[in-house]
Amino acid sequence: MQFKFTKNIQFTKLIKANGRLKEFNFRKLNDNKEGMFTVDVVDERDSRVFFNLQKTDNNWKLIKQPLPQWVLENESIYHELIEEELKNS
């Protein structure tokens, strides 16, 4: 019997968004072969904002859904942080 182990990747980074430092929690979903991360962050009203990033054309892109502008503005930062984490793991 063969076992296949996949490493879970989870990390948290502070990113300046909407004029404040916010804690973004990243988690890699291993069931998707091309790669997908789910991210959650707290907004100003202490509600969680959830969104997904998927690797397309060698870049981590937001999957389109209604999101606050301060989440959309940091898409390039998410890409850099994910690539850095994947390189170090």
Protein backbone atom coordinates (compact mmCIF):
# COMPACT_ATOMS: atom_id res chain seq x y z
CA MET A 1 0.00 0.00 0.00
CA GLN A 2 1.36 3.41 -0.98
CA PHE A 3 0.79 6.58 0.97
CA LYS A 4 0.91 10.03 -0.51
CA PHE A 5 1.71 12.85 1.85
CA THR A 6 1.05 16.45 0.99
CA LYS A 7 2.40 19.25 3.09
CA ASN A 8 -0.11 21.74 4.44
CA ILE A 9 0.95 25.32 3.96
CA GLN A 10 -0.45 27.94 6.31
CA PHE A 11 1.01 31.32 7.16
CA THR A 12 0.01 34.73 8.45
CA LYS A 13 1.34 38.08 7.24
CA LEU A 14 0.71 41.66 8.24
CA ILE A 15 -0.23 43.85 5.27
CA LYS A 16 -1.09 47.53 5.29
CA ALA A 17 -4.60 47.81 3.89
CA ASN A 18 -7.13 50.61 4.18
CA GLY A 19 -4.63 52.67 6.16
CA ARG A 20 -4.06 50.03 8.87
CA LEU A 21 -1.99 46.91 9.39
CA LYS A 22 -4.20 43.87 9.00
CA GLU A 23 -3.46 40.22 9.67
CA PHE A 24 -4.02 38.09 6.56
CA ASN A 25 -4.22 34.31 7.08
CA PHE A 26 -3.25 32.19 4.06
CA ARG A 27 -3.99 28.46 3.66
CA LYS A 28 -3.15 26.31 0.66
CA LEU A 29 -5.86 23.97 -0.54
CA ASN A 30 -4.10 20.77 -1.61
CA ASP A 31 -7.04 19.21 -3.41
CA ASN A 32 -6.58 21.61 -6.34
CA LYS A 33 -3.66 20.54 -8.55
CA GLU A 34 -2.90 23.92 -10.12
CA GLY A 35 -2.90 25.58 -6.72
CA MET A 36 -5.32 27.63 -4.72
CA PHE A 37 -5.05 29.60 -1.51
CA THR A 38 -7.87 30.69 0.71
CA VAL A 39 -7.32 33.90 2.67
CA ASP A 40 -9.18 35.48 5.54
CA VAL A 41 -8.84 38.88 7.17
CA VAL A 42 -10.89 40.97 9.62
CA ASP A 43 -12.51 44.19 8.42
CA GLU A 44 -13.22 47.36 10.43
CA ARG A 45 -16.42 45.90 11.90
CA ASP A 46 -14.63 42.73 13.09
CA SER A 47 -16.29 40.64 10.39
CA ARG A 48 -14.20 38.09 8.53
CA VAL A 49 -13.60 38.63 4.83
CA PHE A 50 -12.82 35.41 2.93
CA PHE A 51 -11.42 35.22 -0.59
CA ASN A 52 -9.52 32.83 -2.84
CA LEU A 53 -6.39 33.19 -4.91
CA GLN A 54 -5.70 30.87 -7.82
CA LYS A 55 -2.54 30.49 -9.87
CA THR A 56 -3.18 31.45 -13.48
CA ASP A 57 -0.53 32.37 -16.05
CA ASN A 58 2.18 32.01 -13.37
CA ASN A 59 0.55 34.67 -11.15
CA TRP A 60 -1.65 34.40 -8.07
CA LYS A 61 -4.91 36.13 -8.96
CA LEU A 62 -8.05 36.89 -6.99
CA ILE A 63 -11.06 34.84 -7.99
CA LYS A 64 -13.69 37.41 -8.90
CA GLN A 65 -16.29 38.00 -6.24
CA PRO A 66 -17.62 41.07 -4.44
CA LEU A 67 -14.74 42.21 -2.23
CA PRO A 68 -13.82 45.45 -0.47
CA GLN A 69 -11.56 47.74 -2.48
CA TRP A 70 -8.75 47.46 0.09
CA VAL A 71 -8.59 43.70 -0.60
CA LEU A 72 -8.49 44.17 -4.38
CA GLU A 73 -5.75 46.81 -4.21
CA ASN A 74 -3.22 44.39 -2.67
CA GLU A 75 -3.39 41.57 -5.24
CA SER A 76 0.27 41.97 -6.26
CA ILE A 77 1.37 41.82 -2.61
CA TYR A 78 -0.49 38.53 -2.12
CA HIS A 79 1.35 37.10 -5.13
CA GLU A 80 4.75 38.11 -3.72
CA LEU A 81 4.01 36.72 -0.25
CA ILE A 82 2.77 33.38 -1.56
CA GLU A 83 5.73 32.93 -3.89
CA GLU A 84 8.14 33.76 -1.05
CA GLU A 85 6.45 31.27 1.27
CA LEU A 86 6.42 28.51 -1.36
CA LYS A 87 10.11 29.08 -2.08
CA ASN A 88 10.97 28.78 1.63
CA SER A 89 8.85 25.70 2.33
